[in-house]
PDB file of N, CA and C in Angstrom:
ATOM      1  N   MET A   1     215.007 133.458 -85.610  1.00  0.00           N
ATOM      2  CA  MET A   1     214.463 133.059 -84.386  1.00  0.00           C
ATOM      3  C   MET A   1     215.583 132.508 -84.441  1.00  0.00           C
ATOM      4  N   PRO A   2     216.771 132.526 -83.089  1.00  0.00           N
ATOM      5  CA  PRO A   2     217.268 131.973 -82.216  1.00  0.00           C
ATOM      6  C   PRO A   2     216.096 130.013 -81.702  1.00  0.00           C
ATOM      7  N   ASN A   3     217.142 128.975 -82.087  1.00  0.00           N
ATOM      8  CA  ASN A   3     216.349 127.359 -80.540  1.00  0.00           C
ATOM      9  C   ASN A   3     216.203 127.974 -79.531  1.00  0.00           C
ATOM     10  N   THR A   4     215.500 127.781 -78.995  1.00  0.00           N
ATOM     11  CA  THR A   4     215.244 128.167 -77.510  1.00  0.00           C
ATOM     12  C   THR A   4     214.635 127.036 -76.781  1.00  0.00           C
ATOM     13  N   SER A   5     215.550 125.715 -77.505  1.00  0.00           N
ATOM     14  CA  SER A   5     214.908 124.502 -76.593  1.00  0.00           C
ATOM     15  C   SER A   5     216.028 124.143 -75.549  1.00  0.00           C
ATOM     16  N   PRO A   6     215.826 123.958 -74.634  1.00  0.00           N
ATOM     17  CA  PRO A   6     216.821 123.360 -73.966  1.00  0.00           C
ATOM     18  C   PRO A   6     217.865 122.430 -74.241  1.00  0.00           C
ATOM     19  N   LEU A   7     218.541 122.193 -73.560  1.00  0.00           N
ATOM     20  CA  LEU A   7     220.525 122.201 -73.981  1.00  0.00           C
ATOM     21  C   LEU A   7     219.961 121.102 -72.889  1.00  0.00           C
ATOM     22  N   ALA A   8     219.405 121.053 -71.948  1.00  0.00           N
ATOM     23  CA  ALA A   8     219.785 120.100 -70.904  1.00  0.00           C
ATOM     24  C   ALA A   8     218.534 119.774 -69.950  1.00  0.00           C
ATOM     25  N   HIS A   9     217.968 118.861 -69.690  1.00  0.00           N
ATOM     26  CA  HIS A   9     217.006 118.827 -68.519  1.00  0.00           C
ATOM     27  C   HIS A   9     217.355 117.708 -67.172  1.00  0.00           C
ATOM     28  N   SER A  10     216.532 118.443 -66.285  1.00  0.00           N
ATOM     29  CA  SER A  10     216.119 117.673 -64.039  1.00  0.00           C
ATOM     30  C   SER A  10     216.020 115.674 -65.720  1.00  0.00           C
ATOM     31  N   VAL A  11     216.532 115.502 -64.923  1.00  0.00           N
ATOM     32  CA  VAL A  11     215.713 114.234 -64.366  1.00  0.00           C
ATOM     33  C   VAL A  11     215.010 113.935 -64.599  1.00  0.00           C
ATOM     34  N   GLY A  12     213.303 114.311 -64.157  1.00  0.00           N
ATOM     35  CA  GLY A  12     211.952 114.302 -64.547  1.00  0.00           C
ATOM     36  C   GLY A  12     211.863 114.859 -65.682  1.00  0.00           C
ATOM     37  N   GLU A  13     212.203 115.624 -65.604  1.00  0.00           N
ATOM     38  CA  GLU A  13     211.672 116.842 -67.285  1.00  0.00           C
ATOM     39  C   GLU A  13     212.936 115.534 -67.861  1.00  0.00           C
ATOM     40  N   ALA A  14     214.084 115.225 -68.237  1.00  0.00           N
ATOM     41  CA  ALA A  14     214.057 114.549 -69.311  1.00  0.00           C
ATOM     42  C   ALA A  14     213.992 112.520 -69.613  1.00  0.00           C
ATOM     43  N   ALA A  15     212.797 112.712 -68.020  1.00  0.00           N
ATOM     44  CA  ALA A  15     212.318 110.867 -68.054  1.00  0.00           C
ATOM     45  C   ALA A  15     210.698 111.323 -69.364  1.00  0.00           C
ATOM     46  N   HIS A  16     210.169 112.373 -69.006  1.00  0.00           N
ATOM     47  CA  HIS A  16     209.037 112.779 -69.472  1.00  0.00           C
ATOM     48  C   HIS A  16     209.292 113.158 -70.414  1.00  0.00           C
ATOM     49  N   ARG A  17     209.936 113.265 -71.088  1.00  0.00           N
ATOM     50  CA  ARG A  17     209.941 113.355 -72.871  1.00  0.00           C
ATOM     51  C   ARG A  17     210.074 112.509 -73.377  1.00  0.00           C
ATOM     52  N   ILE A  18     211.083 111.803 -72.759  1.00  0.00           N
ATOM     53  CA  ILE A  18     211.052 110.490 -73.442  1.00  0.00           C
ATOM     54  C   ILE A  18     210.184 109.035 -73.317  1.00  0.00           C
ATOM     55  N   GLY A  19     209.111 109.385 -72.259  1.00  0.00           N
ATOM     56  CA  GLY A  19     207.752 108.185 -72.132  1.00  0.00           C
ATOM     57  C   GLY A  19     208.308 107.994 -71.011  1.00  0.00           C
ATOM     58  N   ILE A  20     210.030 107.732 -70.406  1.00  0.00           N
ATOM     59  CA  ILE A  20     209.338 106.715 -69.198  1.00  0.00           C
ATOM     60  C   ILE A  20     209.390 107.358 -67.455  1.00  0.00           C
ATOM     61  N   SER A  21     209.532 106.670 -66.738  1.00  0.00           N
ATOM     62  CA  SER A  21     209.557 107.299 -65.073  1.00  0.00           C
ATOM     63  C   SER A  21     210.665 107.622 -65.122  1.00  0.00           C
ATOM     64  N   ARG A  22     210.880 108.179 -63.648  1.00  0.00           N
ATOM     65  CA  ARG A  22     212.367 108.574 -63.256  1.00  0.00           C
ATOM     66  C   ARG A  22     212.939 107.168 -63.281  1.00  0.00           C
ATOM     67  N   SER A  23     212.228 106.647 -62.335  1.00  0.00           N
ATOM     68  CA  SER A  23     213.076 105.436 -61.898  1.00  0.00           C
ATOM     69  C   SER A  23     214.050 104.658 -63.060  1.00  0.00           C
ATOM     70  N   SER A  24     212.698 104.380 -64.087  1.00  0.00           N
ATOM     71  CA  SER A  24     213.722 103.975 -65.132  1.00  0.00           C
ATOM     72  C   SER A  24     215.130 104.555 -66.201  1.00  0.00           C
ATOM     73  N   LEU A  25     214.715 105.820 -65.668  1.00  0.00           N
ATOM     74  CA  LEU A  25     215.933 107.143 -66.809  1.00  0.00           C
ATOM     75  C   LEU A  25     216.632 106.759 -65.482  1.00  0.00           C
ATOM     76  N   TYR A  26     216.648 106.864 -63.511  1.00  0.00           N
ATOM     77  CA  TYR A  26     218.222 106.724 -62.939  1.00  0.00           C
ATOM     78  C   TYR A  26     218.901 105.212 -63.543  1.00  0.00           C
ATOM     79  N   LEU A  27     218.023 104.250 -63.443  1.00  0.00           N
ATOM     80  CA  LEU A  27     218.564 102.624 -64.201  1.00  0.00           C
ATOM     81  C   LEU A  27     219.441 102.535 -65.575  1.00  0.00           C
ATOM     82  N   LEU A  28     218.655 103.930 -66.554  1.00  0.00           N
ATOM     83  CA  LEU A  28     219.689 103.535 -67.219  1.00  0.00           C
ATOM     84  C   LEU A  28     221.061 104.137 -67.553  1.00  0.00           C
ATOM     85  N   ILE A  29     220.785 105.668 -66.541  1.00  0.00           N
ATOM     86  CA  ILE A  29     222.047 106.048 -66.109  1.00  0.00           C
ATOM     87  C   ILE A  29     222.883 105.382 -65.556  1.00  0.00           C
ATOM     88  N   THR A  30     222.361 105.240 -64.687  1.00  0.00           N
ATOM     89  CA  THR A  30     223.441 103.801 -63.121  1.00  0.00           C
ATOM     90  C   THR A  30     223.721 102.550 -63.963  1.00  0.00           C
ATOM     91  N   ARG A  31     223.330 102.065 -65.274  1.00  0.00           N
ATOM     92  CA  ARG A  31     224.340 101.007 -66.590  1.00  0.00           C
ATOM     93  C   ARG A  31     225.060 101.851 -66.941  1.00  0.00           C
ATOM     94  N   GLY A  32     224.833 103.033 -66.898  1.00  0.00           N
ATOM     95  CA  GLY A  32     225.840 103.894 -68.520  1.00  0.00           C
ATOM     96  C   GLY A  32     224.628 104.332 -69.737  1.00  0.00           C
ATOM     97  N   GLU A  33     224.007 103.862 -69.765  1.00  0.00           N
ATOM     98  CA  GLU A  33     223.646 103.081 -70.754  1.00  0.00           C
ATOM     99  C   GLU A  33     223.672 105.377 -71.647  1.00  0.00           C
ATOM    100  N   ILE A  34     223.362 106.050 -70.271  1.00  0.00           N
ATOM    101  CA  ILE A  34     222.075 107.666 -70.401  1.00  0.00           C
ATOM    102  C   ILE A  34     223.778 108.651 -69.478  1.00  0.00           C
ATOM    103  N   PRO A  35     224.217 109.727 -70.613  1.00  0.00           N
ATOM    104  CA  PRO A  35     225.411 110.165 -69.260  1.00  0.00           C
ATOM    105  C   PRO A  35     224.489 111.139 -68.700  1.00  0.00           C
ATOM    106  N   ILE A  36     225.451 111.759 -68.175  1.00  0.00           N
ATOM    107  CA  ILE A  36     224.537 112.767 -67.311  1.00  0.00           C
ATOM    108  C   ILE A  36     225.727 113.705 -67.085  1.00  0.00           C
ATOM    109  N   ALA A  37     225.358 114.955 -66.440  1.00  0.00           N
ATOM    110  CA  ALA A  37     226.602 116.291 -65.987  1.00  0.00           C
ATOM    111  C   ALA A  37     225.493 116.665 -64.402  1.00  0.00           C
ATOM    112  N   LYS A  38     226.885 116.440 -64.234  1.00  0.00           N
ATOM    113  CA  LYS A  38     226.951 117.450 -63.128  1.00  0.00           C
ATOM    114  C   LYS A  38     226.593 119.033 -62.957  1.00  0.00           C
ATOM    115  N   ILE A  39     226.206 119.789 -62.490  1.00  0.00           N
ATOM    116  CA  ILE A  39     226.008 121.374 -62.560  1.00  0.00           C
ATOM    117  C   ILE A  39     225.816 122.149 -60.877  1.00  0.00           C
ATOM    118  N   GLY A  40     226.607 121.961 -60.008  1.00  0.00           N
ATOM    119  CA  GLY A  40     226.383 122.170 -58.220  1.00  0.00           C
ATOM    120  C   GLY A  40     225.427 120.931 -58.271  1.00  0.00           C
ATOM    121  N   HIS A  41     224.244 121.007 -57.016  1.00  0.00           N
ATOM    122  CA  HIS A  41     223.556 119.526 -56.771  1.00  0.00           C
ATOM    123  C   HIS A  41     222.809 118.787 -57.798  1.00  0.00           C
ATOM    124  N   ARG A  42     222.644 119.232 -59.324  1.00  0.00           N
ATOM    125  CA  ARG A  42     221.431 119.263 -59.913  1.00  0.00           C
ATOM    126  C   ARG A  42     222.484 118.709 -60.898  1.00  0.00           C
ATOM    127  N   THR A  43     221.533 117.550 -60.887  1.00  0.00           N
ATOM    128  CA  THR A  43     222.033 116.367 -62.064  1.00  0.00           C
ATOM    129  C   THR A  43     221.440 117.009 -63.507  1.00  0.00           C
ATOM    130  N   LEU A  44     221.818 116.834 -64.707  1.00  0.00           N
ATOM    131  CA  LEU A  44     221.225 117.367 -66.054  1.00  0.00           C
ATOM    132  C   LEU A  44     221.389 116.221 -67.404  1.00  0.00           C
ATOM    133  N   VAL A  45     220.408 115.564 -67.617  1.00  0.00           N
ATOM    134  CA  VAL A  45     220.612 115.143 -69.493  1.00  0.00           C
ATOM    135  C   VAL A  45     220.931 115.480 -70.131  1.00  0.00           C
ATOM    136  N   LEU A  46     221.720 116.097 -71.134  1.00  0.00           N
ATOM    137  CA  LEU A  46     221.733 116.559 -71.789  1.00  0.00           C
ATOM    138  C   LEU A  46     220.727 116.828 -73.984  1.00  0.00           C
ATOM    139  N   ASP A  47     220.044 116.846 -73.982  1.00  0.00           N
ATOM    140  CA  ASP A  47     218.990 117.238 -74.505  1.00  0.00           C
ATOM    141  C   ASP A  47     219.685 116.024 -75.837  1.00  0.00           C
ATOM    142  N   ASP A  48     221.237 116.109 -76.363  1.00  0.00           N
ATOM    143  CA  ASP A  48     221.629 115.206 -77.041  1.00  0.00           C
ATOM    144  C   ASP A  48     221.676 113.729 -77.382  1.00  0.00           C
ATOM    145  N   ASP A  49     221.648 114.189 -75.967  1.00  0.00           N
ATOM    146  CA  ASP A  49     222.552 112.980 -75.730  1.00  0.00           C
ATOM    147  C   ASP A  49     220.627 111.526 -74.976  1.00  0.00           C
ATOM    148  N   LEU A  50     219.861 112.432 -74.924  1.00  0.00           N
ATOM    149  CA  LEU A  50     218.676 111.400 -75.363  1.00  0.00           C
ATOM    150  C   LEU A  50     217.941 111.915 -76.207  1.00  0.00           C
ATOM    151  N   ARG A  51     218.163 112.287 -77.019  1.00  0.00           N
ATOM    152  CA  ARG A  51     218.051 112.419 -78.693  1.00  0.00           C
ATOM    153  C   ARG A  51     218.608 110.909 -79.065  1.00  0.00           C
ATOM    154  N   ALA A  52     219.961 110.696 -78.849  1.00  0.00           N
ATOM    155  CA  ALA A  52     220.908 109.791 -79.148  1.00  0.00           C
ATOM    156  C   ALA A  52     221.103 108.234 -78.610  1.00  0.00           C
ATOM    157  N   TYR A  53     220.376 108.591 -77.722  1.00  0.00           N
ATOM    158  CA  TYR A  53     219.780 106.735 -76.877  1.00  0.00           C
ATOM    159  C   TYR A  53     218.743 106.208 -77.421  1.00  0.00           C
ATOM    160  N   LEU A  54     217.670 107.599 -78.048  1.00  0.00           N
ATOM    161  CA  LEU A  54     217.028 107.194 -78.748  1.00  0.00           C
ATOM    162  C   LEU A  54     217.449 106.706 -79.744  1.00  0.00           C
ATOM    163  N   ALA A  55     217.667 107.918 -81.151  1.00  0.00           N
ATOM    164  CA  ALA A  55     218.667 106.824 -82.144  1.00  0.00           C
ATOM    165  C   ALA A  55     219.126 105.770 -82.164  1.00  0.00           C
ATOM    166  N   ALA A  56     219.235 104.785 -81.119  1.00  0.00           N
ATOM    167  CA  ALA A  56     220.391 104.058 -80.671  1.00  0.00           C
ATOM    168  C   ALA A  56     219.404 102.658 -80.409  1.00  0.00           C
ATOM    169  N   HIS A  57     218.332 102.843 -80.493  1.00  0.00           N
ATOM    170  CA  HIS A  57     217.398 101.950 -79.897  1.00  0.00           C
ATOM    171  C   HIS A  57     216.422 102.160 -81.257  1.00  0.00           C
ATOM    172  N   ARG A  58     216.027 102.528 -82.154  1.00  0.00           N
ATOM    173  CA  ARG A  58     214.899 102.606 -83.249  1.00  0.00           C
ATOM    174  C   ARG A  58     215.168 101.220 -83.519  1.00  0.00           C
ATOM    175  N   ILE A  59     213.965 100.560 -84.320  1.00  0.00           N
ATOM    176  CA  ILE A  59     213.711 100.067 -84.458  1.00  0.00           C
ATOM    177  C   ILE A  59     212.437 100.147 -85.976  1.00  0.00           C
ATOM    178  N   GLU A  60     214.042  99.647 -87.226  1.00  0.00           N
ATOM    179  CA  GLU A  60     213.086  99.660 -88.440  1.00  0.00           C
ATOM    180  C   GLU A  60     211.691  98.607 -88.973  1.00  0.00           C
ATOM    181  N   ARG A  61     211.083  99.421 -89.312  1.00  0.00           N
ATOM    182  CA  ARG A  61     210.334  97.640 -90.325  1.00  0.00           C
ATOM    183  C   ARG A  61     210.422  97.300 -91.410  1.00  0.00           C
ATOM    184  N   ARG A  62     210.729  96.640 -91.154  1.00  0.00           N
ATOM    185  CA  ARG A  62     211.191  96.071 -92.756  1.00  0.00           C
ATOM    186  C   ARG A  62     209.715  95.704 -93.175  1.00  0.00           C
ATOM    187  N   PRO A  63     209.718  95.732 -95.232  1.00  0.00           N
ATOM    188  CA  PRO A  63     208.643  95.497 -95.475  1.00  0.00           C
ATOM    189  C   PRO A  63     208.160  94.218 -95.487  1.00  0.00           C
ATOM    190  N   ASP A  64     207.143  93.863 -95.293  1.00  0.00           N
ATOM    191  CA  ASP A  64     206.675  91.915 -95.746  1.00  0.00           C
ATOM    192  C   ASP A  64     207.428  90.831 -96.553  1.00  0.00           C
ATOM    193  N   ALA A  65     208.118  89.663 -96.357  1.00  0.00           N
ATOM    194  CA  ALA A  65     208.567  89.488 -97.786  1.00  0.00           C
ATOM    195  C   ALA A  65     206.753  88.783 -97.778  1.00  0.00           C
ATOM    196  N   ALA A  66     206.803  88.480 -99.608  1.00  0.00           N
ATOM    197  CA  ALA A  66     205.422  87.901 -99.413  1.00  0.00           C
ATOM    198  C   ALA A  66     206.110  86.593-100.145  1.00  0.00           C
TER     199      ALA A  66
END
């Protein structure tokens, strides 16, 4: 069965997907932390770019040193 996940999201959908507000996502876009794609008047965020942003900001916990 083919993957039916969207390749790109509107800014509102992308913000919802990663659990932040639209204004927070626009701030990340303005800072150049998350790239966008423009198609006509639509501003889209690629799903791969959302995943890359989250992966880059992942913090792995270390076991407590006793």
